[in-house]
Protein backbone atom coordinates (compact mmCIF):
# COMPACT_ATOMS: atom_id res chain seq x y z
CA MET A 1 -1.03 -32.14 0.91
CA GLY A 2 -4.69 -32.38 -0.14
CA ASP A 3 -4.49 -36.16 -0.16
CA GLU A 4 -3.23 -36.23 3.43
CA TYR A 5 -5.86 -33.70 4.52
CA LEU A 6 -8.74 -35.69 3.05
CA ARG A 7 -7.41 -38.97 4.44
CA ILE A 8 -7.36 -37.51 7.96
CA VAL A 9 -10.47 -35.32 7.89
CA SER A 10 -12.67 -37.95 6.25
CA TRP A 11 -12.79 -39.69 9.65
CA SER A 12 -14.93 -36.79 10.89
CA PHE A 13 -17.59 -36.70 8.16
CA ILE A 14 -20.08 -39.18 9.64
CA PRO A 15 -19.76 -38.07 13.28
CA SER A 16 -20.07 -34.46 12.12
CA GLY A 17 -23.34 -35.27 10.35
CA ILE A 18 -24.68 -37.04 13.43
CA SER A 19 -23.66 -34.04 15.55
CA PHE A 20 -25.70 -31.77 13.27
CA VAL A 21 -28.71 -34.04 13.77
CA THR A 22 -28.32 -34.04 17.56
CA GLY A 23 -28.12 -30.24 17.50
CA SER A 24 -31.38 -30.14 15.56
CA MET A 25 -32.97 -32.52 18.03
CA PHE A 26 -32.02 -30.24 20.91
CA GLN A 27 -33.55 -27.31 19.04
CA ALA A 28 -36.72 -29.29 18.40
CA MET A 29 -36.99 -30.02 22.13
CA GLY A 30 -36.55 -26.33 22.91
CA ASN A 31 -33.23 -26.69 24.73
CA THR A 32 -30.31 -25.37 22.69
CA LEU A 33 -27.89 -25.08 25.61
CA PRO A 34 -26.49 -28.63 25.23
CA SER A 35 -25.82 -28.00 21.55
CA VAL A 36 -23.98 -24.77 22.35
CA ALA A 37 -21.98 -26.52 25.09
CA THR A 38 -20.84 -29.34 22.80
CA SER A 39 -19.82 -26.85 20.11
CA LEU A 40 -17.84 -24.86 22.67
CA VAL A 41 -16.05 -28.04 23.82
CA ARG A 42 -15.16 -28.78 20.20
CA VAL A 43 -13.65 -25.34 19.67
CA VAL A 44 -11.69 -25.45 22.94
CA VAL A 45 -10.31 -28.93 22.19
CA VAL A 46 -8.84 -27.60 18.94
CA ALA A 47 -7.94 -24.00 19.75
CA ILE A 48 -6.00 -24.35 22.99
CA PRO A 49 -3.76 -27.26 21.88
CA VAL A 50 -3.09 -25.60 18.51
CA ILE A 51 -2.01 -22.37 20.20
CA VAL A 52 0.28 -24.24 22.59
CA LEU A 53 1.67 -26.73 20.05
CA SER A 54 2.21 -24.14 17.31
CA ARG A 55 5.15 -22.76 19.26
CA SER A 56 6.96 -26.08 19.02
CA PRO A 57 9.54 -26.43 16.23
CA SER A 58 8.18 -29.90 15.40
CA PHE A 59 4.61 -28.60 14.86
CA ARG A 60 2.99 -29.93 11.70
CA ARG A 61 -0.12 -28.79 9.89
CA SER A 62 -1.56 -32.30 10.12
CA THR A 63 -1.70 -31.87 13.91
CA ILE A 64 -4.52 -29.37 13.43
CA TRP A 65 -6.40 -31.84 11.25
CA HIS A 66 -5.96 -34.66 13.77
CA LEU A 67 -7.16 -32.41 16.59
CA GLY A 68 -10.17 -31.45 14.49
CA VAL A 69 -11.14 -35.09 13.97
CA MET A 70 -10.67 -35.84 17.66
CA SER A 71 -12.82 -32.85 18.62
CA VAL A 72 -15.67 -33.95 16.34
CA TRP A 73 -15.70 -37.41 17.93
CA LEU A 74 -15.61 -35.87 21.41
CA GLN A 75 -18.43 -33.49 20.50
CA LEU A 76 -20.50 -36.41 19.23
CA ALA A 77 -19.94 -38.48 22.39
CA LEU A 78 -20.88 -35.55 24.62
CA ALA A 79 -23.93 -34.69 22.50
CA LEU A 80 -25.19 -38.27 22.67
CA VAL A 81 -24.78 -38.37 26.45
CA LEU A 82 -26.64 -35.07 26.82
CA LEU A 83 -29.33 -36.14 24.36
CA ARG A 84 -29.90 -39.37 26.27
CA ARG A 85 -30.19 -37.37 29.50
CA GLU A 86 -32.61 -34.93 27.87
CA TYR A 87 -34.80 -37.75 26.58
CA GLY A 88 -34.66 -39.42 29.99
CA ASN A 89 -35.90 -36.23 31.63
CA ARG A 90 -38.70 -35.71 29.12
CA LEU A 91 -39.84 -39.30 28.70
CA ALA A 92 -40.20 -40.41 32.32
CA PHE A 93 -42.80 -43.16 32.37
CA ASN A 94 -44.92 -44.18 35.34
CA VAL A 95 -47.55 -46.87 35.49
CA GLY A 96 -51.07 -45.58 36.08
CA SER A 97 -53.64 -47.13 38.40
CA GLU A 98 -54.91 -49.45 35.65
CA GLY A 99 -51.44 -50.73 34.73
CA GLU A 100 -51.22 -48.53 31.65
CA PRO A 101 -48.06 -46.48 31.07
CA MET A 102 -48.56 -42.82 31.79
CA VAL A 103 -46.29 -40.09 30.44
CA LEU A 104 -45.31 -37.44 32.95
CA PRO A 105 -45.04 -33.83 31.77
CA ALA A 106 -41.55 -32.34 31.29
CA HIS A 107 -40.27 -30.24 34.17
């Protein structure tokens, strides 16, 4: 059983690490709401299907592990989209009167 678990869950190790880094980046920028939202999505993607599927006679423990891996990848994708948006909002560049890039303050 441990062999199967590690074979499945190992697919989430790298995206999970990247998700931790994106969460830290949101904290560093002073906006933790996106990090909380992606974590909530991850929990919902696992919890609701597990509750529904656990009532099925063909339910297997590995289903939980597969859902966990899928939720980590989904969390990572959402975090990267939100992080890109956050950087886009904070790093809006305009060209000044002398042709030099000018950074606009965050709103």
